[in-house]
Amino acid sequence: MIQIEIKFIKSFQSDLKKLDPKTNKLIQKQKEFMNRDYNHNSLGRKKLRNVKDKFGNEIWEIRLDKKRRIVFVEKVNNGSVEIIWLKICSHDELARKNVLRVKGDY
């Protein structure tokens, strides 16, 4: 079984504190699904086309709800996967961008 580690960058952690309880509950639910099986159907996990982070890494998304997505990068090391959650974006915002900018390093 693949070992998965999910991390949040500091700006994502700061944004979590500003969200309503319902959204935080959705985020925890998606994190639990991803921990169990990062290909779980309810995540709607897919690689974004033509969108990179500021380091040139490919960006992935999972659904948070109908309008919002959580974007992240994956780093694979010796059978383990480090998933770094970057930002919560609207679906429309992702469709318009070629480069996703987030605060901080990872």
Protein backbone atom coordinates (compact mmCIF):
# COMPACT_ATOMS: atom_id res chain seq x y z
CA MET A 1 0.00 0.00 0.00
CA ILE A 2 1.22 3.49 -0.84
CA GLN A 3 1.99 5.71 2.12
CA ILE A 4 0.41 9.15 1.74
CA GLU A 5 1.35 12.26 3.68
CA ILE A 6 -0.80 15.35 3.27
CA LYS A 7 0.68 18.72 4.15
CA PHE A 8 -0.73 22.23 4.04
CA ILE A 9 1.43 25.24 3.20
CA LYS A 10 1.29 28.09 5.73
CA SER A 11 -0.97 30.31 3.61
CA PHE A 12 -3.45 27.41 3.24
CA GLN A 13 -3.41 26.91 7.03
CA SER A 14 -4.09 30.63 7.51
CA ASP A 15 -6.98 30.49 5.04
CA LEU A 16 -8.50 27.54 6.93
CA LYS A 17 -8.89 29.68 10.04
CA LYS A 18 -11.00 32.17 8.07
CA LEU A 19 -13.43 29.59 6.66
CA ASP A 20 -16.84 28.70 8.01
CA PRO A 21 -17.30 25.41 9.96
CA LYS A 22 -19.17 23.73 7.09
CA THR A 23 -16.28 24.32 4.66
CA ASN A 24 -13.75 23.13 7.24
CA LYS A 25 -15.78 19.95 7.67
CA LEU A 26 -15.72 19.39 3.89
CA ILE A 27 -11.96 19.87 3.85
CA GLN A 28 -11.48 17.32 6.63
CA LYS A 29 -13.73 14.86 4.79
CA GLN A 30 -11.69 15.20 1.59
CA LYS A 31 -8.45 14.85 3.55
CA GLU A 32 -9.71 11.60 5.12
CA PHE A 33 -10.71 10.21 1.71
CA MET A 34 -7.33 11.17 0.29
CA ASN A 35 -5.49 9.54 3.22
CA ARG A 36 -7.35 6.28 2.65
CA ASP A 37 -7.22 6.29 -1.15
CA TYR A 38 -5.95 9.29 -3.05
CA ASN A 39 -7.75 8.02 -6.15
CA HIS A 40 -11.13 7.83 -4.34
CA ASN A 41 -13.99 8.66 -6.73
CA SER A 42 -15.57 11.30 -4.51
CA LEU A 43 -12.39 13.38 -4.69
CA GLY A 44 -12.71 14.00 -8.43
CA ARG A 45 -8.90 14.04 -8.56
CA LYS A 46 -7.41 15.15 -11.86
CA LYS A 47 -4.30 16.77 -13.25
CA LEU A 48 -4.80 20.28 -14.53
CA ARG A 49 -3.82 20.92 -18.11
CA ASN A 50 -1.63 23.90 -18.92
CA VAL A 51 -1.47 25.02 -15.27
CA LYS A 52 1.79 24.92 -13.31
CA ASP A 53 2.90 26.27 -9.98
CA LYS A 54 5.57 28.91 -9.65
CA PHE A 55 8.27 26.19 -9.68
CA GLY A 56 6.96 24.58 -12.87
CA ASN A 57 5.41 21.55 -11.09
CA GLU A 58 2.22 20.00 -12.38
CA ILE A 59 -0.85 20.85 -10.35
CA TRP A 60 -3.67 18.52 -9.40
CA GLU A 61 -7.14 19.31 -8.14
CA ILE A 62 -9.82 17.67 -6.04
CA ARG A 63 -13.39 18.85 -5.63
CA LEU A 64 -14.36 20.63 -2.45
CA ASP A 65 -17.90 21.38 -3.64
CA LYS A 66 -19.61 22.30 -6.91
CA LYS A 67 -17.78 25.61 -7.31
CA ARG A 68 -14.52 25.24 -5.38
CA ARG A 69 -11.44 23.07 -5.81
CA ILE A 70 -8.42 22.30 -3.67
CA VAL A 71 -5.23 22.43 -5.71
CA PHE A 72 -2.08 20.57 -4.77
CA VAL A 73 1.24 19.20 -5.96
CA GLU A 74 2.44 15.62 -5.56
CA LYS A 75 5.95 14.52 -4.74
CA VAL A 76 6.63 10.79 -5.10
CA ASN A 77 9.55 9.33 -3.12
CA ASN A 78 10.36 5.62 -2.76
CA GLY A 79 6.78 4.34 -2.68
CA SER A 80 5.39 7.22 -0.63
CA VAL A 81 3.47 10.22 -1.88
CA GLU A 82 3.75 13.66 -0.31
CA ILE A 83 0.73 15.76 -1.20
CA ILE A 84 1.01 19.49 -0.56
CA TRP A 85 -2.28 21.37 -0.53
CA LEU A 86 -1.74 24.86 -1.90
CA LYS A 87 -4.96 26.77 -2.24
CA ILE A 88 -8.73 26.70 -2.51
CA CYS A 89 -9.76 28.09 -5.91
CA SER A 90 -12.93 28.52 -7.84
CA HIS A 91 -13.36 26.18 -10.78
CA ASP A 92 -13.49 29.19 -13.12
CA GLU A 93 -10.25 30.63 -11.73
CA LEU A 94 -8.39 27.42 -12.59
CA ALA A 95 -9.77 27.34 -16.12
CA ARG A 96 -8.40 30.83 -16.87
CA LYS A 97 -4.86 30.55 -15.49
CA ASN A 98 -1.63 29.13 -16.83
CA VAL A 99 0.36 29.72 -13.64
CA LEU A 100 -1.04 29.37 -10.14
CA ARG A 101 0.49 31.69 -7.57
CA VAL A 102 0.42 30.89 -3.88
CA LYS A 103 2.02 32.60 -0.91
CA GLY A 104 5.02 30.89 0.62
CA ASP A 105 7.32 28.04 -0.24
CA TYR A 106 6.93 24.29 -0.07
